[in-house]
Amino acid sequence: MARGMHRHRRIRLDNLSATKIETRERKRPHKVKARTRRDARVIAKIKATKSGVGYAAEVQSWLSRRLDKPFSKITSEEIAQTIA
């Protein structure tokens, strides 16, 4: 590869890195708001679900991420504490 190509590759990589950082900073507030809306929606689904009935996949995944354990290991007490 020609010497000039390497020089331009470095510049391009530097620009990409700066763009990634700037994009992450710009999108952060929107992602926080979306996370808050999702949490409220999932908590409402949990409260609306009758006891003894299984939860939707979205709720199971959310609980698993929130409690940092597989859904099969989560107890009803932990769920109650999470949505309180």
PDB file of N, CA and C in Angstrom:
ATOM      1  N   MET A   1       0.846  -1.173   0.000  1.00  0.00           N
ATOM      2  CA  MET A   1       0.000   0.000   0.000  1.00  0.00           C
ATOM      3  C   MET A   1       0.893   1.239   0.000  1.00  0.00           C
ATOM      4  N   ALA A   2       0.464   2.233  -0.674  1.00  0.00           N
ATOM      5  CA  ALA A   2       1.266   3.451  -0.787  1.00  0.00           C
ATOM      6  C   ALA A   2       1.333   4.175   0.553  1.00  0.00           C
ATOM      7  N   ARG A   3       2.404   4.946   0.712  1.00  0.00           N
ATOM      8  CA  ARG A   3       2.621   5.655   1.971  1.00  0.00           C
ATOM      9  C   ARG A   3       1.469   6.615   2.281  1.00  0.00           C
ATOM     10  N   GLY A   4       0.952   7.286   1.278  1.00  0.00           N
ATOM     11  CA  GLY A   4      -0.141   8.239   1.474  1.00  0.00           C
ATOM     12  C   GLY A   4      -1.398   7.585   2.012  1.00  0.00           C
ATOM     13  N   MET A   5      -1.652   6.357   1.595  1.00  0.00           N
ATOM     14  CA  MET A   5      -2.846   5.653   2.054  1.00  0.00           C
ATOM     15  C   MET A   5      -2.800   5.437   3.567  1.00  0.00           C
ATOM     16  N   HIS A   6      -1.628   5.102   4.084  1.00  0.00           N
ATOM     17  CA  HIS A   6      -1.503   4.883   5.524  1.00  0.00           C
ATOM     18  C   HIS A   6      -1.769   6.168   6.289  1.00  0.00           C
ATOM     19  N   ARG A   7      -1.260   7.276   5.765  1.00  0.00           N
ATOM     20  CA  ARG A   7      -1.458   8.563   6.417  1.00  0.00           C
ATOM     21  C   ARG A   7      -2.951   8.901   6.461  1.00  0.00           C
ATOM     22  N   HIS A   8      -3.641   8.671   5.359  1.00  0.00           N
ATOM     23  CA  HIS A   8      -5.060   8.988   5.311  1.00  0.00           C
ATOM     24  C   HIS A   8      -5.881   8.021   6.150  1.00  0.00           C
ATOM     25  N   ARG A   9      -5.439   6.789   6.240  1.00  0.00           N
ATOM     26  CA  ARG A   9      -6.134   5.822   7.084  1.00  0.00           C
ATOM     27  C   ARG A   9      -6.111   6.279   8.540  1.00  0.00           C
ATOM     28  N   ARG A  10      -4.959   6.754   8.995  1.00  0.00           N
ATOM     29  CA  ARG A  10      -4.841   7.241  10.376  1.00  0.00           C
ATOM     30  C   ARG A  10      -5.790   8.408  10.618  1.00  0.00           C
ATOM     31  N   ILE A  11      -5.853   9.330   9.674  1.00  0.00           N
ATOM     32  CA  ILE A  11      -6.749  10.482   9.802  1.00  0.00           C
ATOM     33  C   ILE A  11      -8.193  10.005   9.855  1.00  0.00           C
ATOM     34  N   ARG A  12      -8.553   9.077   8.969  1.00  0.00           N
ATOM     35  CA  ARG A  12      -9.915   8.559   8.936  1.00  0.00           C
ATOM     36  C   ARG A  12     -10.269   7.865  10.251  1.00  0.00           C
ATOM     37  N   LEU A  13      -9.368   7.070  10.776  1.00  0.00           N
ATOM     38  CA  LEU A  13      -9.621   6.383  12.047  1.00  0.00           C
ATOM     39  C   LEU A  13      -9.770   7.372  13.198  1.00  0.00           C
ATOM     40  N   ASP A  14      -8.959   8.407  13.200  1.00  0.00           N
ATOM     41  CA  ASP A  14      -9.078   9.440  14.239  1.00  0.00           C
ATOM     42  C   ASP A  14     -10.432  10.138  14.154  1.00  0.00           C
ATOM     43  N   ASN A  15     -10.861  10.444  12.922  1.00  0.00           N
ATOM     44  CA  ASN A  15     -12.160  11.091  12.746  1.00  0.00           C
ATOM     45  C   ASN A  15     -13.301  10.182  13.183  1.00  0.00           C
ATOM     46  N   LEU A  16     -13.207   8.897  12.865  1.00  0.00           N
ATOM     47  CA  LEU A  16     -14.246   7.948  13.283  1.00  0.00           C
ATOM     48  C   LEU A  16     -14.332   7.860  14.803  1.00  0.00           C
ATOM     49  N   SER A  17     -13.181   7.829  15.446  1.00  0.00           N
ATOM     50  CA  SER A  17     -13.154   7.761  16.902  1.00  0.00           C
ATOM     51  C   SER A  17     -13.806   8.984  17.523  1.00  0.00           C
ATOM     52  N   ALA A  18     -13.481  10.155  16.997  1.00  0.00           N
ATOM     53  CA  ALA A  18     -14.062  11.394  17.518  1.00  0.00           C
ATOM     54  C   ALA A  18     -15.566  11.425  17.273  1.00  0.00           C
ATOM     55  N   THR A  19     -15.995  10.936  16.121  1.00  0.00           N
ATOM     56  CA  THR A  19     -17.420  10.905  15.799  1.00  0.00           C
ATOM     57  C   THR A  19     -18.172   9.982  16.741  1.00  0.00           C
ATOM     58  N   LYS A  20     -17.583   8.825  17.044  1.00  0.00           N
ATOM     59  CA  LYS A  20     -18.222   7.884  17.973  1.00  0.00           C
ATOM     60  C   LYS A  20     -18.424   8.511  19.349  1.00  0.00           C
ATOM     61  N   ILE A  21     -17.411   9.183  19.837  1.00  0.00           N
ATOM     62  CA  ILE A  21     -17.490   9.817  21.153  1.00  0.00           C
ATOM     63  C   ILE A  21     -18.567  10.893  21.158  1.00  0.00           C
ATOM     64  N   GLU A  22     -18.586  11.711  20.119  1.00  0.00           N
ATOM     65  CA  GLU A  22     -19.562  12.797  20.031  1.00  0.00           C
ATOM     66  C   GLU A  22     -20.986  12.245  19.928  1.00  0.00           C
ATOM     67  N   THR A  23     -21.166  11.189  19.153  1.00  0.00           N
ATOM     68  CA  THR A  23     -22.483  10.582  18.987  1.00  0.00           C
ATOM     69  C   THR A  23     -22.973   9.991  20.303  1.00  0.00           C
ATOM     70  N   ARG A  24     -22.090   9.330  21.012  1.00  0.00           N
ATOM     71  CA  ARG A  24     -22.457   8.738  22.296  1.00  0.00           C
ATOM     72  C   ARG A  24     -22.922   9.809  23.272  1.00  0.00           C
ATOM     73  N   GLU A  25     -22.208  10.929  23.318  1.00  0.00           N
ATOM     74  CA  GLU A  25     -22.583  12.033  24.199  1.00  0.00           C
ATOM     75  C   GLU A  25     -23.931  12.634  23.806  1.00  0.00           C
ATOM     76  N   ARG A  26     -24.176  12.753  22.491  1.00  0.00           N
ATOM     77  CA  ARG A  26     -25.402  13.369  22.008  1.00  0.00           C
ATOM     78  C   ARG A  26     -26.624  12.476  22.272  1.00  0.00           C
ATOM     79  N   LYS A  27     -26.456  11.177  22.194  1.00  0.00           N
ATOM     80  CA  LYS A  27     -27.594  10.259  22.336  1.00  0.00           C
ATOM     81  C   LYS A  27     -27.887   9.868  23.783  1.00  0.00           C
ATOM     82  N   ARG A  28     -26.969  10.123  24.685  1.00  0.00           N
ATOM     83  CA  ARG A  28     -27.132   9.691  26.075  1.00  0.00           C
ATOM     84  C   ARG A  28     -28.430  10.168  26.724  1.00  0.00           C
ATOM     85  N   PRO A  29     -28.811  11.458  26.646  1.00  0.00           N
ATOM     86  CA  PRO A  29     -30.051  11.887  27.305  1.00  0.00           C
ATOM     87  C   PRO A  29     -31.291  11.170  26.763  1.00  0.00           C
ATOM     88  N   HIS A  30     -31.324  10.911  25.466  1.00  0.00           N
ATOM     89  CA  HIS A  30     -32.475  10.228  24.880  1.00  0.00           C
ATOM     90  C   HIS A  30     -32.548   8.787  25.354  1.00  0.00           C
ATOM     91  N   LYS A  31     -31.404   8.154  25.494  1.00  0.00           N
ATOM     92  CA  LYS A  31     -31.388   6.771  25.945  1.00  0.00           C
ATOM     93  C   LYS A  31     -31.827   6.661  27.402  1.00  0.00           C
ATOM     94  N   VAL A  32     -31.465   7.632  28.213  1.00  0.00           N
ATOM     95  CA  VAL A  32     -31.890   7.635  29.615  1.00  0.00           C
ATOM     96  C   VAL A  32     -33.413   7.763  29.694  1.00  0.00           C
ATOM     97  N   LYS A  33     -33.976   8.661  28.880  1.00  0.00           N
ATOM     98  CA  LYS A  33     -35.432   8.834  28.867  1.00  0.00           C
ATOM     99  C   LYS A  33     -36.127   7.570  28.383  1.00  0.00           C
ATOM    100  N   ALA A  34     -35.582   6.947  27.361  1.00  0.00           N
ATOM    101  CA  ALA A  34     -36.181   5.718  26.828  1.00  0.00           C
ATOM    102  C   ALA A  34     -36.117   4.603  27.860  1.00  0.00           C
ATOM    103  N   ARG A  35     -35.017   4.515  28.595  1.00  0.00           N
ATOM    104  CA  ARG A  35     -34.870   3.499  29.635  1.00  0.00           C
ATOM    105  C   ARG A  35     -35.911   3.703  30.734  1.00  0.00           C
ATOM    106  N   THR A  36     -36.143   4.960  31.101  1.00  0.00           N
ATOM    107  CA  THR A  36     -37.137   5.278  32.127  1.00  0.00           C
ATOM    108  C   THR A  36     -38.537   4.896  31.665  1.00  0.00           C
ATOM    109  N   ARG A  37     -38.861   5.210  30.407  1.00  0.00           N
ATOM    110  CA  ARG A  37     -40.177   4.840  29.863  1.00  0.00           C
ATOM    111  C   ARG A  37     -40.347   3.331  29.823  1.00  0.00           C
ATOM    112  N   ARG A  38     -39.304   2.617  29.413  1.00  0.00           N
ATOM    113  CA  ARG A  38     -39.369   1.151  29.342  1.00  0.00           C
ATOM    114  C   ARG A  38     -39.564   0.555  30.731  1.00  0.00           C
ATOM    115  N   ASP A  39     -38.839   1.072  31.716  1.00  0.00           N
ATOM    116  CA  ASP A  39     -38.991   0.571  33.081  1.00  0.00           C
ATOM    117  C   ASP A  39     -40.426   0.738  33.559  1.00  0.00           C
ATOM    118  N   ALA A  40     -41.015   1.902  33.309  1.00  0.00           N
ATOM    119  CA  ALA A  40     -42.388   2.156  33.734  1.00  0.00           C
ATOM    120  C   ALA A  40     -43.358   1.209  33.026  1.00  0.00           C
ATOM    121  N   ARG A  41     -43.139   0.977  31.730  1.00  0.00           N
ATOM    122  CA  ARG A  41     -44.016   0.094  30.959  1.00  0.00           C
ATOM    123  C   ARG A  41     -43.941  -1.345  31.471  1.00  0.00           C
ATOM    124  N   VAL A  42     -42.741  -1.827  31.747  1.00  0.00           N
ATOM    125  CA  VAL A  42     -42.571  -3.205  32.212  1.00  0.00           C
ATOM    126  C   VAL A  42     -43.142  -3.374  33.614  1.00  0.00           C
ATOM    127  N   ILE A  43     -42.946  -2.408  34.478  1.00  0.00           N
ATOM    128  CA  ILE A  43     -43.502  -2.479  35.831  1.00  0.00           C
ATOM    129  C   ILE A  43     -45.023  -2.519  35.766  1.00  0.00           C
ATOM    130  N   ALA A  44     -45.610  -1.737  34.866  1.00  0.00           N
ATOM    131  CA  ALA A  44     -47.068  -1.765  34.695  1.00  0.00           C
ATOM    132  C   ALA A  44     -47.530  -3.142  34.215  1.00  0.00           C
ATOM    133  N   LYS A  45     -46.769  -3.775  33.326  1.00  0.00           N
ATOM    134  CA  LYS A  45     -47.116  -5.121  32.857  1.00  0.00           C
ATOM    135  C   LYS A  45     -47.032  -6.136  33.984  1.00  0.00           C
ATOM    136  N   ILE A  46     -46.023  -5.991  34.839  1.00  0.00           N
ATOM    137  CA  ILE A  46     -45.879  -6.920  35.964  1.00  0.00           C
ATOM    138  C   ILE A  46     -47.068  -6.780  36.908  1.00  0.00           C
ATOM    139  N   LYS A  47     -47.445  -5.550  37.207  1.00  0.00           N
ATOM    140  CA  LYS A  47     -48.563  -5.313  38.122  1.00  0.00           C
ATOM    141  C   LYS A  47     -49.887  -5.786  37.530  1.00  0.00           C
ATOM    142  N   ALA A  48     -50.018  -5.730  36.198  1.00  0.00           N
ATOM    143  CA  ALA A  48     -51.265  -6.129  35.549  1.00  0.00           C
ATOM    144  C   ALA A  48     -51.387  -7.645  35.395  1.00  0.00           C
ATOM    145  N   THR A  49     -50.279  -8.359  35.531  1.00  0.00           N
ATOM    146  CA  THR A  49     -50.296  -9.808  35.357  1.00  0.00           C
ATOM    147  C   THR A  49     -50.824 -10.480  36.623  1.00  0.00           C
ATOM    148  N   LYS A  50     -51.767 -11.382  36.452  1.00  0.00           N
ATOM    149  CA  LYS A  50     -52.316 -12.109  37.605  1.00  0.00           C
ATOM    150  C   LYS A  50     -51.267 -13.061  38.147  1.00  0.00           C
ATOM    151  N   SER A  51     -51.332 -13.323  39.441  1.00  0.00           N
ATOM    152  CA  SER A  51     -50.380 -14.264  40.030  1.00  0.00           C
ATOM    153  C   SER A  51     -50.688 -15.663  39.511  1.00  0.00           C
ATOM    154  N   GLY A  52     -49.657 -16.434  39.290  1.00  0.00           N
ATOM    155  CA  GLY A  52     -49.820 -17.779  38.765  1.00  0.00           C
ATOM    156  C   GLY A  52     -49.756 -17.838  37.249  1.00  0.00           C
ATOM    157  N   VAL A  53     -49.846 -16.689  36.607  1.00  0.00           N
ATOM    158  CA  VAL A  53     -49.754 -16.625  35.150  1.00  0.00           C
ATOM    159  C   VAL A  53     -48.323 -16.227  34.797  1.00  0.00           C
ATOM    160  N   GLY A  54     -47.779 -16.808  33.743  1.00  0.00           N
ATOM    161  CA  GLY A  54     -46.407 -16.494  33.344  1.00  0.00           C
ATOM    162  C   GLY A  54     -46.263 -15.086  32.806  1.00  0.00           C
ATOM    163  N   TYR A  55     -45.057 -14.582  32.886  1.00  0.00           N
ATOM    164  CA  TYR A  55     -44.763 -13.242  32.374  1.00  0.00           C
ATOM    165  C   TYR A  55     -44.378 -13.320  30.899  1.00  0.00           C
ATOM    166  N   ALA A  56     -44.565 -12.213  30.210  1.00  0.00           N
ATOM    167  CA  ALA A  56     -44.161 -12.119  28.810  1.00  0.00           C
ATOM    168  C   ALA A  56     -42.632 -12.154  28.723  1.00  0.00           C
ATOM    169  N   ALA A  57     -42.129 -12.487  27.544  1.00  0.00           N
ATOM    170  CA  ALA A  57     -40.683 -12.584  27.343  1.00  0.00           C
ATOM    171  C   ALA A  57     -39.981 -11.262  27.642  1.00  0.00           C
ATOM    172  N   GLU A  58     -40.607 -10.155  27.282  1.00  0.00           N
ATOM    173  CA  GLU A  58     -40.017  -8.837  27.542  1.00  0.00           C
ATOM    174  C   GLU A  58     -39.829  -8.625  29.040  1.00  0.00           C
ATOM    175  N   VAL A  59     -40.828  -9.021  29.822  1.00  0.00           N
ATOM    176  CA  VAL A  59     -40.775  -8.850  31.273  1.00  0.00           C
ATOM    177  C   VAL A  59     -39.714  -9.773  31.867  1.00  0.00           C
ATOM    178  N   GLN A  60     -39.665 -11.013  31.400  1.00  0.00           N
ATOM    179  CA  GLN A  60     -38.663 -11.948  31.909  1.00  0.00           C
ATOM    180  C   GLN A  60     -37.256 -11.443  31.641  1.00  0.00           C
ATOM    181  N   SER A  61     -37.029 -10.953  30.442  1.00  0.00           N
ATOM    182  CA  SER A  61     -35.714 -10.442  30.079  1.00  0.00           C
ATOM    183  C   SER A  61     -35.355  -9.226  30.925  1.00  0.00           C
ATOM    184  N   TRP A  62     -36.312  -8.327  31.122  1.00  0.00           N
ATOM    185  CA  TRP A  62     -36.072  -7.120  31.915  1.00  0.00           C
ATOM    186  C   TRP A  62     -35.724  -7.489  33.357  1.00  0.00           C
ATOM    187  N   LEU A  63     -36.506  -8.408  33.937  1.00  0.00           N
ATOM    188  CA  LEU A  63     -36.235  -8.830  35.318  1.00  0.00           C
ATOM    189  C   LEU A  63     -34.868  -9.502  35.429  1.00  0.00           C
ATOM    190  N   SER A  64     -34.544 -10.322  34.463  1.00  0.00           N
ATOM    191  CA  SER A  64     -33.263 -11.014  34.478  1.00  0.00           C
ATOM    192  C   SER A  64     -32.097 -10.020  34.437  1.00  0.00           C
ATOM    193  N   ARG A  65     -32.206  -9.010  33.577  1.00  0.00           N
ATOM    194  CA  ARG A  65     -31.157  -7.978  33.507  1.00  0.00           C
ATOM    195  C   ARG A  65     -31.109  -7.160  34.782  1.00  0.00           C
ATOM    196  N   ARG A  66     -32.277  -6.822  35.290  1.00  0.00           N
ATOM    197  CA  ARG A  66     -32.360  -5.955  36.473  1.00  0.00           C
ATOM    198  C   ARG A  66     -31.774  -6.638  37.712  1.00  0.00           C
ATOM    199  N   LEU A  67     -32.052  -7.948  37.870  1.00  0.00           N
ATOM    200  CA  LEU A  67     -31.598  -8.670  39.046  1.00  0.00           C
ATOM    201  C   LEU A  67     -30.291  -9.425  38.811  1.00  0.00           C
ATOM    202  N   ASP A  68     -29.805  -9.395  37.581  1.00  0.00           N
ATOM    203  CA  ASP A  68     -28.528 -10.014  37.220  1.00  0.00           C
ATOM    204  C   ASP A  68     -28.493 -11.502  37.554  1.00  0.00           C
ATOM    205  N   LYS A  69     -29.565 -12.202  37.193  1.00  0.00           N
ATOM    206  CA  LYS A  69     -29.616 -13.652  37.353  1.00  0.00           C
ATOM    207  C   LYS A  69     -30.627 -14.212  36.368  1.00  0.00           C
ATOM    208  N   PRO A  70     -30.540 -15.498  36.062  1.00  0.00           N
ATOM    209  CA  PRO A  70     -31.505 -16.099  35.136  1.00  0.00           C
ATOM    210  C   PRO A  70     -32.928 -16.007  35.689  1.00  0.00           C
ATOM    211  N   PHE A  71     -33.896 -15.879  34.792  1.00  0.00           N
ATOM    212  CA  PHE A  71     -35.274 -15.712  35.232  1.00  0.00           C
ATOM    213  C   PHE A  71     -35.750 -16.911  36.051  1.00  0.00           C
ATOM    214  N   SER A  72     -35.275 -18.094  35.720  1.00  0.00           N
ATOM    215  CA  SER A  72     -35.711 -19.296  36.439  1.00  0.00           C
ATOM    216  C   SER A  72     -35.267 -19.278  37.906  1.00  0.00           C
ATOM    217  N   LYS A  73     -34.274 -18.469  38.237  1.00  0.00           N
ATOM    218  CA  LYS A  73     -33.773 -18.385  39.613  1.00  0.00           C
ATOM    219  C   LYS A  73     -34.391 -17.233  40.403  1.00  0.00           C
ATOM    220  N   ILE A  74     -35.257 -16.448  39.770  1.00  0.00           N
ATOM    221  CA  ILE A  74     -35.843 -15.277  40.425  1.00  0.00           C
ATOM    222  C   ILE A  74     -37.096 -15.699  41.194  1.00  0.00           C
ATOM    223  N   THR A  75     -37.187 -15.240  42.441  1.00  0.00           N
ATOM    224  CA  THR A  75     -38.348 -15.566  43.274  1.00  0.00           C
ATOM    225  C   THR A  75     -39.385 -14.437  43.209  1.00  0.00           C
ATOM    226  N   SER A  76     -40.573 -14.753  43.642  1.00  0.00           N
ATOM    227  CA  SER A  76     -41.642 -13.733  43.628  1.00  0.00           C
ATOM    228  C   SER A  76     -41.333 -12.605  44.594  1.00  0.00           C
ATOM    229  N   GLU A  77     -40.628 -12.893  45.697  1.00  0.00           N
ATOM    230  CA  GLU A  77     -40.237 -11.841  46.639  1.00  0.00           C
ATOM    231  C   GLU A  77     -39.285 -10.848  45.981  1.00  0.00           C
ATOM    232  N   GLU A  78     -38.347 -11.359  45.189  1.00  0.00           N
ATOM    233  CA  GLU A  78     -37.413 -10.465  44.497  1.00  0.00           C
ATOM    234  C   GLU A  78     -38.142  -9.595  43.482  1.00  0.00           C
ATOM    235  N   ILE A  79     -39.132 -10.165  42.818  1.00  0.00           N
ATOM    236  CA  ILE A  79     -39.919  -9.397  41.855  1.00  0.00           C
ATOM    237  C   ILE A  79     -40.667  -8.291  42.589  1.00  0.00           C
ATOM    238  N   ALA A  80     -41.258  -8.630  43.722  1.00  0.00           N
ATOM    239  CA  ALA A  80     -42.001  -7.636  44.499  1.00  0.00           C
ATOM    240  C   ALA A  80     -41.084  -6.502  44.960  1.00  0.00           C
ATOM    241  N   GLN A  81     -39.880  -6.839  45.373  1.00  0.00           N
ATOM    242  CA  GLN A  81     -38.928  -5.811  45.798  1.00  0.00           C
ATOM    243  C   GLN A  81     -38.498  -4.925  44.634  1.00  0.00           C
ATOM    244  N   THR A  82     -38.370  -5.528  43.463  1.00  0.00           N
ATOM    245  CA  THR A  82     -37.921  -4.786  42.283  1.00  0.00           C
ATOM    246  C   THR A  82     -38.937  -3.761  41.843  1.00  0.00           C
ATOM    247  N   ILE A  83     -40.234  -4.112  41.879  1.00  0.00           N
ATOM    248  CA  ILE A  83     -41.244  -3.188  41.389  1.00  0.00           C
ATOM    249  C   ILE A  83     -41.735  -2.241  42.467  1.00  0.00           C
ATOM    250  N   ALA A  84     -41.275  -2.421  43.701  1.00  0.00           N
ATOM    251  CA  ALA A  84     -41.718  -1.546  44.786  1.00  0.00           C
ATOM    252  C   ALA A  84     -41.079  -0.177  44.694  1.00  0.00           C
TER     253      ALA A  84
END
